[in-house]
Amino acid sequence: MPFNPNQSLPQDEVTERVDSAIAENDVVLFMKGNELMPQCGYSDRALRLIKQHREDVECVDTLESLEEFRVALKAHSGWETTPQTYVNGEFVGGSDILAELHERGELAETLEAE
């Protein structure tokens, strides 16, 4: 599948997808690539950290329309970079924040893992 970073979906469609993913999932990771094939090291790191504590994470590939996802995510978190993790509708952070929480032994609790 060829990568075309300029294919751009309409902003309102992307915003709705971001809003819905955050509202409808306990844990959602906005990342470059997908669960089977992360497309950047930070996204891969975030996914691996989350998967250490829970399997049920919704992954959303931002490469489908990167600029529009940046706009939509910034409205929620103030950050336009990916990856971004949300738990129960609340912004947690990117891979560095997840790594810090993991090092402090707080990631499982943050992810509300059983």
N, C-alpha and C. Protein backbone atom coordinates (compact mmCIF):
# COMPACT_ATOMS: atom_id res chain seq x y z
N MET A 1 0.85 -1.17 0.00
CA MET A 1 0.00 0.00 0.00
C MET A 1 0.90 1.24 0.00
N PRO A 2 0.80 2.09 -0.99
CA PRO A 2 1.63 3.28 -1.05
C PRO A 2 1.20 4.30 0.00
N PHE A 3 2.16 5.03 0.51
CA PHE A 3 1.90 6.06 1.50
C PHE A 3 1.79 7.40 0.80
N ASN A 4 0.67 8.05 1.00
CA ASN A 4 0.45 9.36 0.41
C ASN A 4 0.07 10.32 1.53
N PRO A 5 1.05 11.03 2.11
CA PRO A 5 0.77 11.88 3.26
C PRO A 5 -0.11 13.09 2.95
N ASN A 6 -0.35 13.37 1.68
CA ASN A 6 -1.11 14.55 1.32
C ASN A 6 -2.54 14.24 0.91
N GLN A 7 -3.04 13.05 1.22
CA GLN A 7 -4.37 12.70 0.76
C GLN A 7 -5.46 13.45 1.53
N SER A 8 -5.21 13.87 2.73
CA SER A 8 -6.07 14.72 3.53
C SER A 8 -7.56 14.43 3.47
N LEU A 9 -8.08 14.05 4.61
CA LEU A 9 -9.52 13.91 4.80
C LEU A 9 -10.05 15.27 5.22
N PRO A 10 -11.34 15.50 5.08
CA PRO A 10 -11.91 16.77 5.55
C PRO A 10 -11.69 16.94 7.06
N GLN A 11 -11.38 18.15 7.48
CA GLN A 11 -11.09 18.40 8.90
C GLN A 11 -12.25 17.99 9.80
N ASP A 12 -13.49 18.28 9.40
CA ASP A 12 -14.62 17.92 10.25
C ASP A 12 -14.74 16.41 10.43
N GLU A 13 -14.41 15.64 9.40
CA GLU A 13 -14.45 14.19 9.50
C GLU A 13 -13.38 13.67 10.47
N VAL A 14 -12.19 14.22 10.37
CA VAL A 14 -11.10 13.81 11.27
C VAL A 14 -11.42 14.22 12.70
N THR A 15 -11.92 15.41 12.89
CA THR A 15 -12.28 15.89 14.23
C THR A 15 -13.32 14.97 14.85
N GLU A 16 -14.32 14.57 14.07
CA GLU A 16 -15.36 13.65 14.56
C GLU A 16 -14.75 12.30 14.92
N ARG A 17 -13.82 11.81 14.12
CA ARG A 17 -13.18 10.52 14.41
C ARG A 17 -12.37 10.59 15.71
N VAL A 18 -11.66 11.70 15.92
CA VAL A 18 -10.90 11.87 17.15
C VAL A 18 -11.84 11.96 18.34
N ASP A 19 -12.85 12.79 18.24
CA ASP A 19 -13.82 12.95 19.34
C ASP A 19 -14.47 11.61 19.69
N SER A 20 -14.88 10.86 18.68
CA SER A 20 -15.55 9.57 18.89
C SER A 20 -14.59 8.56 19.51
N ALA A 21 -13.37 8.49 19.01
CA ALA A 21 -12.40 7.52 19.55
C ALA A 21 -12.12 7.79 21.02
N ILE A 22 -11.98 9.06 21.38
CA ILE A 22 -11.71 9.42 22.77
C ILE A 22 -12.92 9.10 23.65
N ALA A 23 -14.11 9.40 23.16
CA ALA A 23 -15.34 9.20 23.95
C ALA A 23 -15.73 7.73 24.08
N GLU A 24 -15.45 6.93 23.07
CA GLU A 24 -15.99 5.57 23.02
C GLU A 24 -15.03 4.48 23.48
N ASN A 25 -13.80 4.82 23.82
CA ASN A 25 -12.81 3.80 24.19
C ASN A 25 -12.19 4.11 25.54
N ASP A 26 -11.96 3.08 26.33
CA ASP A 26 -11.31 3.27 27.62
C ASP A 26 -9.89 3.78 27.42
N VAL A 27 -9.16 3.17 26.48
CA VAL A 27 -7.79 3.59 26.17
C VAL A 27 -7.68 3.72 24.66
N VAL A 28 -7.21 4.88 24.20
CA VAL A 28 -7.01 5.10 22.77
C VAL A 28 -5.62 5.69 22.56
N LEU A 29 -4.93 5.17 21.56
CA LEU A 29 -3.60 5.64 21.19
C LEU A 29 -3.67 6.16 19.76
N PHE A 30 -3.41 7.45 19.60
CA PHE A 30 -3.28 8.05 18.28
C PHE A 30 -1.81 7.93 17.92
N MET A 31 -1.54 7.23 16.82
CA MET A 31 -0.16 6.89 16.50
C MET A 31 0.08 6.96 15.00
N LYS A 32 1.35 6.96 14.64
CA LYS A 32 1.73 6.86 13.23
C LYS A 32 1.85 5.38 12.92
N GLY A 33 0.99 4.91 12.02
CA GLY A 33 0.94 3.50 11.70
C GLY A 33 -0.20 2.84 12.45
N ASN A 34 -0.17 1.51 12.47
CA ASN A 34 -1.23 0.78 13.16
C ASN A 34 -0.63 -0.22 14.13
N GLU A 35 -1.50 -0.91 14.82
CA GLU A 35 -1.07 -1.84 15.86
C GLU A 35 -0.12 -2.91 15.33
N LEU A 36 -0.34 -3.36 14.12
CA LEU A 36 0.51 -4.39 13.53
C LEU A 36 1.78 -3.84 12.92
N MET A 37 1.77 -2.55 12.57
CA MET A 37 2.91 -1.97 11.88
C MET A 37 3.10 -0.50 12.25
N PRO A 38 3.59 -0.23 13.47
CA PRO A 38 3.88 1.16 13.84
C PRO A 38 4.89 1.76 12.85
N GLN A 39 4.70 3.03 12.53
CA GLN A 39 5.54 3.68 11.53
C GLN A 39 6.51 4.70 12.11
N CYS A 40 6.66 4.72 13.42
CA CYS A 40 7.70 5.55 14.03
C CYS A 40 8.07 4.93 15.37
N GLY A 41 9.27 5.19 15.80
CA GLY A 41 9.76 4.61 17.05
C GLY A 41 8.97 5.02 18.27
N TYR A 42 8.53 6.28 18.30
CA TYR A 42 7.77 6.75 19.46
C TYR A 42 6.42 6.06 19.54
N SER A 43 5.77 5.88 18.40
CA SER A 43 4.49 5.17 18.38
C SER A 43 4.66 3.72 18.81
N ASP A 44 5.72 3.08 18.31
CA ASP A 44 6.01 1.70 18.69
C ASP A 44 6.26 1.60 20.19
N ARG A 45 7.03 2.51 20.72
CA ARG A 45 7.33 2.52 22.16
C ARG A 45 6.06 2.69 22.99
N ALA A 46 5.22 3.65 22.60
CA ALA A 46 3.97 3.88 23.34
C ALA A 46 3.09 2.64 23.32
N LEU A 47 2.96 2.03 22.17
CA LEU A 47 2.13 0.83 22.04
C LEU A 47 2.67 -0.31 22.89
N ARG A 48 3.99 -0.52 22.86
CA ARG A 48 4.58 -1.60 23.65
C ARG A 48 4.38 -1.36 25.14
N LEU A 49 4.52 -0.13 25.59
CA LEU A 49 4.31 0.17 27.01
C LEU A 49 2.87 -0.09 27.42
N ILE A 50 1.93 0.34 26.62
CA ILE A 50 0.52 0.11 26.93
C ILE A 50 0.22 -1.38 26.96
N LYS A 51 0.71 -2.11 25.96
CA LYS A 51 0.42 -3.54 25.84
C LYS A 51 1.01 -4.36 27.00
N GLN A 52 1.95 -3.82 27.72
CA GLN A 52 2.47 -4.52 28.90
C GLN A 52 1.42 -4.61 30.00
N HIS A 53 0.42 -3.72 29.94
CA HIS A 53 -0.56 -3.63 31.01
C HIS A 53 -1.98 -3.95 30.59
N ARG A 54 -2.28 -3.80 29.31
CA ARG A 54 -3.62 -4.13 28.85
C ARG A 54 -3.62 -4.36 27.34
N GLU A 55 -4.50 -5.26 26.93
CA GLU A 55 -4.59 -5.62 25.52
C GLU A 55 -5.61 -4.77 24.77
N ASP A 56 -6.59 -4.28 25.49
CA ASP A 56 -7.69 -3.56 24.83
C ASP A 56 -7.36 -2.08 24.68
N VAL A 57 -6.68 -1.77 23.62
CA VAL A 57 -6.36 -0.39 23.29
C VAL A 57 -6.79 -0.14 21.86
N GLU A 58 -7.50 0.95 21.65
CA GLU A 58 -7.90 1.35 20.31
C GLU A 58 -6.76 2.16 19.71
N CYS A 59 -6.27 1.73 18.57
CA CYS A 59 -5.18 2.44 17.88
C CYS A 59 -5.75 3.16 16.66
N VAL A 60 -5.41 4.43 16.54
CA VAL A 60 -5.88 5.24 15.42
C VAL A 60 -4.65 5.73 14.65
N ASP A 61 -4.59 5.38 13.37
CA ASP A 61 -3.47 5.75 12.51
C ASP A 61 -3.63 7.19 12.03
N THR A 62 -2.77 8.07 12.48
CA THR A 62 -2.86 9.49 12.12
C THR A 62 -2.25 9.78 10.76
N LEU A 63 -1.49 8.83 10.21
CA LEU A 63 -0.87 9.07 8.91
C LEU A 63 -1.89 9.18 7.78
N GLU A 64 -3.10 8.71 8.03
CA GLU A 64 -4.15 8.78 7.02
C GLU A 64 -4.43 10.23 6.60
N SER A 65 -4.26 11.15 7.56
CA SER A 65 -4.50 12.57 7.28
C SER A 65 -3.80 13.38 8.38
N LEU A 66 -2.48 13.37 8.33
CA LEU A 66 -1.66 13.83 9.45
C LEU A 66 -1.95 15.26 9.90
N GLU A 67 -2.02 16.20 8.98
CA GLU A 67 -2.24 17.60 9.39
C GLU A 67 -3.59 17.78 10.07
N GLU A 68 -4.61 17.12 9.56
CA GLU A 68 -5.95 17.23 10.15
C GLU A 68 -6.00 16.57 11.52
N PHE A 69 -5.30 15.44 11.69
CA PHE A 69 -5.24 14.82 13.01
C PHE A 69 -4.51 15.73 13.99
N ARG A 70 -3.46 16.39 13.54
CA ARG A 70 -2.73 17.32 14.43
C ARG A 70 -3.65 18.41 14.94
N VAL A 71 -4.45 18.98 14.06
CA VAL A 71 -5.39 20.04 14.46
C VAL A 71 -6.40 19.50 15.47
N ALA A 72 -6.98 18.35 15.17
CA ALA A 72 -8.01 17.77 16.05
C ALA A 72 -7.44 17.38 17.41
N LEU A 73 -6.24 16.80 17.42
CA LEU A 73 -5.63 16.39 18.69
C LEU A 73 -5.22 17.59 19.53
N LYS A 74 -4.72 18.63 18.88
CA LYS A 74 -4.32 19.83 19.61
C LYS A 74 -5.50 20.45 20.35
N ALA A 75 -6.70 20.34 19.79
CA ALA A 75 -7.90 20.86 20.44
C ALA A 75 -8.18 20.12 21.76
N HIS A 76 -7.77 18.86 21.85
CA HIS A 76 -7.99 18.07 23.07
C HIS A 76 -6.86 18.21 24.08
N SER A 77 -5.63 18.25 23.60
CA SER A 77 -4.49 18.12 24.50
C SER A 77 -3.59 19.35 24.56
N GLY A 78 -3.71 20.21 23.56
CA GLY A 78 -2.77 21.31 23.45
C GLY A 78 -1.50 20.90 22.72
N TRP A 79 -1.38 19.62 22.41
CA TRP A 79 -0.22 19.08 21.67
C TRP A 79 -0.68 18.67 20.29
N GLU A 80 0.17 18.86 19.30
CA GLU A 80 -0.17 18.40 17.96
C GLU A 80 0.67 17.21 17.53
N THR A 81 1.57 16.77 18.38
CA THR A 81 2.44 15.65 18.03
C THR A 81 1.78 14.32 18.37
N THR A 82 2.25 13.28 17.72
CA THR A 82 1.81 11.92 18.04
C THR A 82 3.05 11.11 18.39
N PRO A 83 2.89 10.09 19.19
CA PRO A 83 1.65 9.51 19.68
C PRO A 83 1.02 10.30 20.82
N GLN A 84 -0.27 10.07 21.00
CA GLN A 84 -1.01 10.62 22.13
C GLN A 84 -1.90 9.53 22.70
N THR A 85 -1.90 9.42 24.02
CA THR A 85 -2.69 8.41 24.72
C THR A 85 -3.76 9.09 25.55
N TYR A 86 -4.98 8.54 25.48
CA TYR A 86 -6.11 9.01 26.28
C TYR A 86 -6.68 7.83 27.05
N VAL A 87 -7.00 8.05 28.32
CA VAL A 87 -7.61 7.03 29.16
C VAL A 87 -8.90 7.62 29.71
N ASN A 88 -9.99 6.95 29.43
CA ASN A 88 -11.32 7.41 29.87
C ASN A 88 -11.54 8.88 29.54
N GLY A 89 -11.17 9.25 28.32
CA GLY A 89 -11.41 10.60 27.84
C GLY A 89 -10.39 11.63 28.26
N GLU A 90 -9.43 11.26 29.09
CA GLU A 90 -8.44 12.20 29.60
C GLU A 90 -7.10 11.99 28.90
N PHE A 91 -6.47 13.08 28.51
CA PHE A 91 -5.16 13.02 27.88
C PHE A 91 -4.12 12.61 28.92
N VAL A 92 -3.33 11.59 28.58
CA VAL A 92 -2.24 11.13 29.46
C VAL A 92 -0.92 11.66 28.95
N GLY A 93 -0.61 11.47 27.68
CA GLY A 93 0.64 11.96 27.12
C GLY A 93 1.14 11.08 26.00
N GLY A 94 2.37 11.34 25.60
CA GLY A 94 3.03 10.59 24.55
C GLY A 94 3.92 9.50 25.12
N SER A 95 4.82 9.00 24.30
CA SER A 95 5.65 7.87 24.72
C SER A 95 6.57 8.22 25.88
N ASP A 96 7.07 9.44 25.94
CA ASP A 96 7.95 9.83 27.04
C ASP A 96 7.21 9.83 28.38
N ILE A 97 6.00 10.34 28.38
CA ILE A 97 5.19 10.35 29.61
C ILE A 97 4.85 8.92 30.02
N LEU A 98 4.48 8.08 29.05
CA LEU A 98 4.19 6.68 29.37
C LEU A 98 5.41 6.00 29.95
N ALA A 99 6.58 6.28 29.39
CA ALA A 99 7.83 5.67 29.90
C ALA A 99 8.11 6.14 31.33
N GLU A 100 7.89 7.42 31.61
CA GLU A 100 8.09 7.93 32.97
C GLU A 100 7.13 7.27 33.96
N LEU A 101 5.88 7.14 33.56
CA LEU A 101 4.89 6.48 34.42
C LEU A 101 5.29 5.02 34.65
N HIS A 102 5.77 4.36 33.62
CA HIS A 102 6.22 2.97 33.74
C HIS A 102 7.39 2.86 34.71
N GLU A 103 8.37 3.74 34.57
CA GLU A 103 9.54 3.72 35.45
C GLU A 103 9.17 3.96 36.91
N ARG A 104 8.15 4.76 37.14
CA ARG A 104 7.70 5.04 38.51
C ARG A 104 6.73 3.99 39.03
N GLY A 105 6.39 3.01 38.18
CA GLY A 105 5.45 1.97 38.58
C GLY A 105 4.01 2.43 38.61
N GLU A 106 3.69 3.49 37.86
CA GLU A 106 2.36 4.08 37.88
C GLU A 106 1.56 3.86 36.60
N LEU A 107 2.17 3.21 35.60
CA LEU A 107 1.48 3.09 34.31
C LEU A 107 0.27 2.17 34.39
N ALA A 108 0.39 1.05 35.07
CA ALA A 108 -0.76 0.14 35.17
C ALA A 108 -1.96 0.84 35.81
N GLU A 109 -1.71 1.59 36.86
CA GLU A 109 -2.79 2.32 37.52
C GLU A 109 -3.37 3.40 36.59
N THR A 110 -2.50 4.11 35.88
CA THR A 110 -2.95 5.14 34.96
C THR A 110 -3.82 4.55 33.86
N LEU A 111 -3.43 3.38 33.37
CA LEU A 111 -4.18 2.70 32.31
C LEU A 111 -5.38 1.93 32.85
N GLU A 112 -5.53 1.95 34.16
CA GLU A 112 -6.61 1.23 34.84
C GLU A 112 -6.61 -0.24 34.43
N ALA A 113 -5.41 -0.81 34.37
CA ALA A 113 -5.27 -2.22 34.03
C ALA A 113 -5.73 -3.07 35.20
N GLU A 114 -6.28 -4.22 34.88
CA GLU A 114 -6.77 -5.12 35.93
C GLU A 114 -5.68 -6.03 36.40
